[in-house]
Protein backbone atom coordinates (compact mmCIF):
# COMPACT_ATOMS: atom_id res chain seq x y z
CA UNK A 1 54.70 9.71 199.21
CA UNK A 2 57.94 8.33 197.89
CA UNK A 3 60.65 9.18 200.40
CA UNK A 4 63.04 6.67 201.91
CA UNK A 5 65.97 6.77 204.31
CA UNK A 6 68.32 6.41 201.32
CA UNK A 7 67.19 9.75 199.84
CA UNK A 8 70.28 11.71 198.68
CA UNK A 9 69.33 14.77 200.73
CA UNK A 10 69.01 12.66 203.88
CA UNK A 11 72.31 10.92 203.14
CA UNK A 12 74.00 14.32 202.71
CA UNK A 13 72.69 15.51 206.07
CA UNK A 14 73.63 12.23 207.76
CA UNK A 15 77.14 12.39 206.30
CA UNK A 16 77.67 15.99 207.39
CA UNK A 17 76.47 15.15 210.91
CA UNK A 18 78.79 12.12 211.06
CA UNK A 19 81.70 14.32 209.97
CA UNK A 20 81.01 16.43 213.09
CA UNK A 21 80.77 13.39 215.35
CA UNK A 22 76.99 13.69 215.68
CA UNK A 23 75.00 10.45 215.58
CA UNK A 24 72.21 10.26 213.00
CA UNK A 25 69.46 7.70 212.51
CA UNK A 26 67.53 7.67 209.23
CA UNK A 27 64.45 5.47 209.10
CA UNK A 28 61.66 4.46 206.75
CA UNK A 29 58.04 5.01 207.75
CA UNK A 30 55.50 2.23 207.94
CA UNK A 31 52.60 2.10 205.48
CA UNK A 32 51.17 5.45 204.33
CA UNK A 33 48.17 6.59 206.34
CA UNK A 34 48.06 10.34 205.70
CA UNK A 35 50.70 11.16 208.28
CA UNK A 36 49.25 9.72 211.48
CA UNK A 37 51.28 6.51 211.57
CA UNK A 38 54.34 8.33 210.25
CA UNK A 39 54.08 10.85 213.11
CA UNK A 40 53.87 7.95 215.58
CA UNK A 41 56.90 6.34 213.89
CA UNK A 42 58.88 9.56 214.40
CA UNK A 43 57.77 9.83 218.03
CA UNK A 44 58.82 6.21 218.67
CA UNK A 45 62.24 6.77 217.08
CA UNK A 46 62.67 9.96 219.12
CA UNK A 47 61.75 8.15 222.36
CA UNK A 48 64.25 5.41 221.58
CA UNK A 49 67.01 7.93 220.83
CA UNK A 50 66.31 9.75 224.09
CA UNK A 51 67.20 6.53 225.88
CA UNK A 52 70.72 6.78 224.45
CA UNK A 53 71.50 10.49 223.98
CA UNK A 54 71.11 13.64 226.07
CA UNK A 55 70.30 15.90 223.12
CA UNK A 56 68.00 14.66 220.36
CA UNK A 57 66.97 16.75 217.36
CA UNK A 58 64.64 16.08 214.43
CA UNK A 59 65.26 16.65 210.73
CA UNK A 60 62.94 15.95 207.84
CA UNK A 61 62.61 16.66 204.13
CA UNK A 62 59.31 17.42 202.37
CA UNK A 63 56.63 15.12 203.84
CA UNK A 64 59.22 14.14 206.47
CA UNK A 65 59.67 17.82 207.32
CA UNK A 66 55.97 18.08 208.07
CA UNK A 67 56.12 14.90 210.14
CA UNK A 68 59.13 16.29 212.03
CA UNK A 69 57.22 19.48 212.89
CA UNK A 70 54.14 17.53 214.01
CA UNK A 71 56.21 15.12 216.11
CA UNK A 72 58.25 17.97 217.62
CA UNK A 73 55.05 19.67 218.77
CA UNK A 74 54.33 16.60 220.91
CA UNK A 75 57.82 15.73 222.10
CA UNK A 76 59.96 18.81 222.76
CA UNK A 77 63.19 17.82 220.97
CA UNK A 78 66.39 19.77 221.53
CA UNK A 79 66.13 21.31 218.04
CA UNK A 80 64.32 20.87 214.72
CA UNK A 81 65.57 21.40 211.17
CA UNK A 82 63.27 20.99 208.18
CA UNK A 83 63.83 21.11 204.43
CA UNK A 84 60.93 21.99 202.10
CA UNK A 85 58.20 21.65 204.72
CA UNK A 86 54.56 21.49 203.59
CA UNK A 87 52.00 23.69 205.35
CA UNK A 88 49.71 20.71 205.92
CA UNK A 89 49.76 16.94 205.95
CA UNK A 90 46.22 15.73 205.44
CA UNK A 91 44.22 17.61 208.05
CA UNK A 92 47.27 18.33 210.24
CA UNK A 93 48.52 21.93 210.31
CA UNK A 94 52.32 22.04 210.38
CA UNK A 95 52.29 25.84 210.82
CA UNK A 96 50.38 25.43 214.10
CA UNK A 97 52.86 22.72 215.10
CA UNK A 98 55.76 25.07 214.34
CA UNK A 99 54.09 27.80 216.36
CA UNK A 100 54.01 25.57 219.44
CA UNK A 101 57.77 24.87 219.45
CA UNK A 102 60.05 26.38 222.07
CA UNK A 103 63.27 24.76 220.77
CA UNK A 104 65.60 26.22 218.12
CA UNK A 105 64.20 25.74 214.60
CA UNK A 106 65.82 25.92 211.16
CA UNK A 107 63.73 25.97 207.98
CA UNK A 108 65.32 25.57 204.54
CA UNK A 109 63.38 25.91 201.30
CA UNK A 110 63.94 26.13 197.57
CA UNK A 111 63.11 29.50 196.06
CA UNK A 112 61.47 27.80 193.06
CA UNK A 113 59.73 24.97 194.91
CA UNK A 114 56.37 24.42 193.25
CA UNK A 115 55.82 20.97 194.77
CA UNK A 116 54.71 21.82 198.32
CA UNK A 117 52.96 24.81 199.87
CA UNK A 118 55.94 25.99 201.94
CA UNK A 119 55.17 29.72 202.05
CA UNK A 120 52.98 29.66 205.22
CA UNK A 121 55.68 27.76 207.12
CA UNK A 122 58.41 30.17 206.01
CA UNK A 123 56.29 33.21 206.83
CA UNK A 124 55.57 31.97 210.34
CA UNK A 125 59.17 30.89 210.92
CA UNK A 126 60.37 34.38 209.99
CA UNK A 127 57.78 35.96 212.30
CA UNK A 128 59.03 33.73 215.14
CA UNK A 129 62.67 34.60 214.47
CA UNK A 130 63.62 31.06 213.48
CA UNK A 131 66.58 30.42 211.19
CA UNK A 132 65.28 30.53 207.60
CA UNK A 133 67.53 29.74 204.64
CA UNK A 134 66.51 30.12 201.01
CA UNK A 135 68.30 27.81 198.60
CA UNK A 136 68.52 28.40 194.86
CA UNK A 137 66.56 25.59 193.30
CA UNK A 138 63.31 23.71 193.29
CA UNK A 139 61.89 21.03 195.58
CA UNK A 140 64.54 18.48 194.69
CA UNK A 141 67.65 20.61 195.39
CA UNK A 142 69.70 18.97 192.63
CA UNK A 143 73.41 19.55 193.26
CA UNK A 144 72.71 21.16 196.65
CA UNK A 145 73.26 18.13 198.90
CA UNK A 146 76.58 19.27 200.36
CA UNK A 147 75.28 22.77 201.04
CA UNK A 148 72.16 21.42 202.73
CA UNK A 149 74.13 18.87 204.74
CA UNK A 150 76.61 21.46 205.99
CA UNK A 151 73.89 23.98 206.84
CA UNK A 152 71.83 21.47 208.82
CA UNK A 153 74.88 19.99 210.56
CA UNK A 154 76.15 23.44 211.54
CA UNK A 155 72.73 24.39 212.93
CA UNK A 156 72.17 21.16 214.82
CA UNK A 157 75.77 21.13 216.03
CA UNK A 158 75.22 24.42 217.84
CA UNK A 159 71.51 24.12 218.68
CA UNK A 160 71.41 20.57 219.98
């Protein structure tokens, strides 16, 4: 998996949150181990943020979206927003993780995304009544950074 905290989609979301006065921490995962260590990384970051802020939400893109859903299932954040979430990470079922959440959830996906198996997540999110937004584009959302950033910031600004 090739994501980093400097990913343009993550920077767009972080910038839009900062514009609204909402703190944002982007972080890099430790070494790849099929999602287990990355989930623990997210839980540790969430625990640290809870020591400083009353409301703490999770956001992730692609693999990070799956990690956010898995971590949220164990930690009860204030809200979760995910972009291009995969239905599984290794043996972990992100749809089951989504199903366990009681907090507000936003799911964004590209209508032509052929990179991850997002359909099961979107289907379940719609059944649950979560916020689902379809974006014109593929998995990489070229030229959509501002739109994604504003959508996520607006959602988290009201949900968190």
